Amino acid sequence: MKFLKGLEGYIWSFPRADHLSVGIAAAWPATTSAELHRALQEFLADERITTTSANFFSHVLPSPRDGRYADGAS
């Protein structure tokens, strides 16, 4: 895992038996998709990780803040 200056989030790189799982997560809307793509591409280049024949996915994950959902109410 790598934490980047100025990014409320992180990059991960986990080896699997048959591939490498690499991704980035950050708070939205504080960080745009374009910024995330740029940061991830920079990381991949720095680490010399090729994306030839790579599969790319994107997901929005819920992340409650400020006590919302703490009591089960929405």
Protein backbone atom coordinates (compact mmCIF):
# COMPACT_ATOMS: atom_id res chain seq x y z
CA MET A 1 0.00 0.00 0.00
CA LYS A 2 1.16 3.49 -0.76
CA PHE A 3 -0.25 6.76 0.54
CA LEU A 4 0.20 9.76 -1.74
CA LYS A 5 0.72 13.33 -0.61
CA GLY A 6 -2.39 15.39 -1.29
CA LEU A 7 -4.64 12.37 -1.84
CA GLU A 8 -7.17 11.25 0.76
CA GLY A 9 -6.78 7.61 -0.19
CA TYR A 10 -4.19 5.03 -1.22
CA ILE A 11 -2.81 2.80 -3.96
CA TRP A 12 -2.58 -0.95 -3.46
CA SER A 13 -0.57 -3.64 -5.20
CA PHE A 14 -1.29 -7.22 -4.15
CA PRO A 15 0.25 -10.25 -5.84
CA ARG A 16 -2.13 -13.07 -6.72
CA ALA A 17 -1.33 -16.60 -7.89
CA ASP A 18 -1.82 -15.70 -11.57
CA HIS A 19 -1.80 -11.88 -11.71
CA LEU A 20 -1.12 -8.66 -9.85
CA SER A 21 -4.04 -6.70 -8.40
CA VAL A 22 -3.30 -2.97 -8.47
CA GLY A 23 -5.74 -0.19 -7.71
CA ILE A 24 -6.42 3.17 -6.19
CA ALA A 25 -9.07 4.39 -3.77
CA ALA A 26 -9.83 7.93 -2.67
CA ALA A 27 -12.57 10.12 -1.27
CA TRP A 28 -15.03 11.48 -3.82
CA PRO A 29 -15.72 14.22 -4.84
CA ALA A 30 -12.46 15.53 -3.32
CA THR A 31 -10.56 13.63 -6.02
CA THR A 32 -11.70 13.33 -9.64
CA SER A 33 -11.55 10.17 -11.73
CA ALA A 34 -8.99 11.86 -13.99
CA GLU A 35 -6.74 12.58 -10.98
CA LEU A 36 -7.03 8.97 -9.83
CA HIS A 37 -6.21 7.60 -13.30
CA ARG A 38 -3.21 9.92 -13.54
CA ALA A 39 -1.88 8.95 -10.09
CA LEU A 40 -2.33 5.24 -10.81
CA GLN A 41 -0.63 5.47 -14.21
CA GLU A 42 2.28 7.32 -12.60
CA PHE A 43 2.57 4.60 -9.94
CA LEU A 44 2.49 1.84 -12.56
CA ALA A 45 5.22 3.58 -14.58
CA ASP A 46 7.38 4.20 -11.50
CA GLU A 47 7.07 0.54 -10.47
CA ARG A 48 7.59 -0.67 -14.06
CA ILE A 49 4.29 -2.55 -14.00
CA THR A 50 2.99 -3.25 -17.49
CA THR A 51 -0.70 -2.99 -18.31
CA THR A 52 -0.50 -5.06 -21.49
CA SER A 53 -3.61 -7.29 -21.57
CA ALA A 54 -4.74 -5.85 -18.21
CA ASN A 55 -8.40 -5.68 -17.23
CA PHE A 56 -9.56 -2.41 -15.72
CA PHE A 57 -12.54 -1.97 -13.41
CA SER A 58 -14.02 0.93 -11.53
CA HIS A 59 -16.44 0.94 -8.61
CA VAL A 60 -18.05 3.44 -6.30
CA LEU A 61 -17.94 2.16 -2.73
CA PRO A 62 -20.14 3.60 0.03
CA SER A 63 -18.17 5.25 2.80
CA PRO A 64 -20.35 6.80 5.53
CA ARG A 65 -18.94 9.86 7.30
CA ASP A 66 -19.79 12.12 10.19
CA GLY A 67 -21.81 9.51 12.08
CA ARG A 68 -24.32 8.96 9.29
CA TYR A 69 -25.71 5.43 9.36
CA ALA A 70 -24.30 4.98 12.89
CA ASP A 71 -27.73 4.12 14.27
CA GLY A 72 -28.89 2.23 11.18
CA ALA A 73 -31.03 5.15 9.96
CA SER A 74 -30.41 6.75 6.59
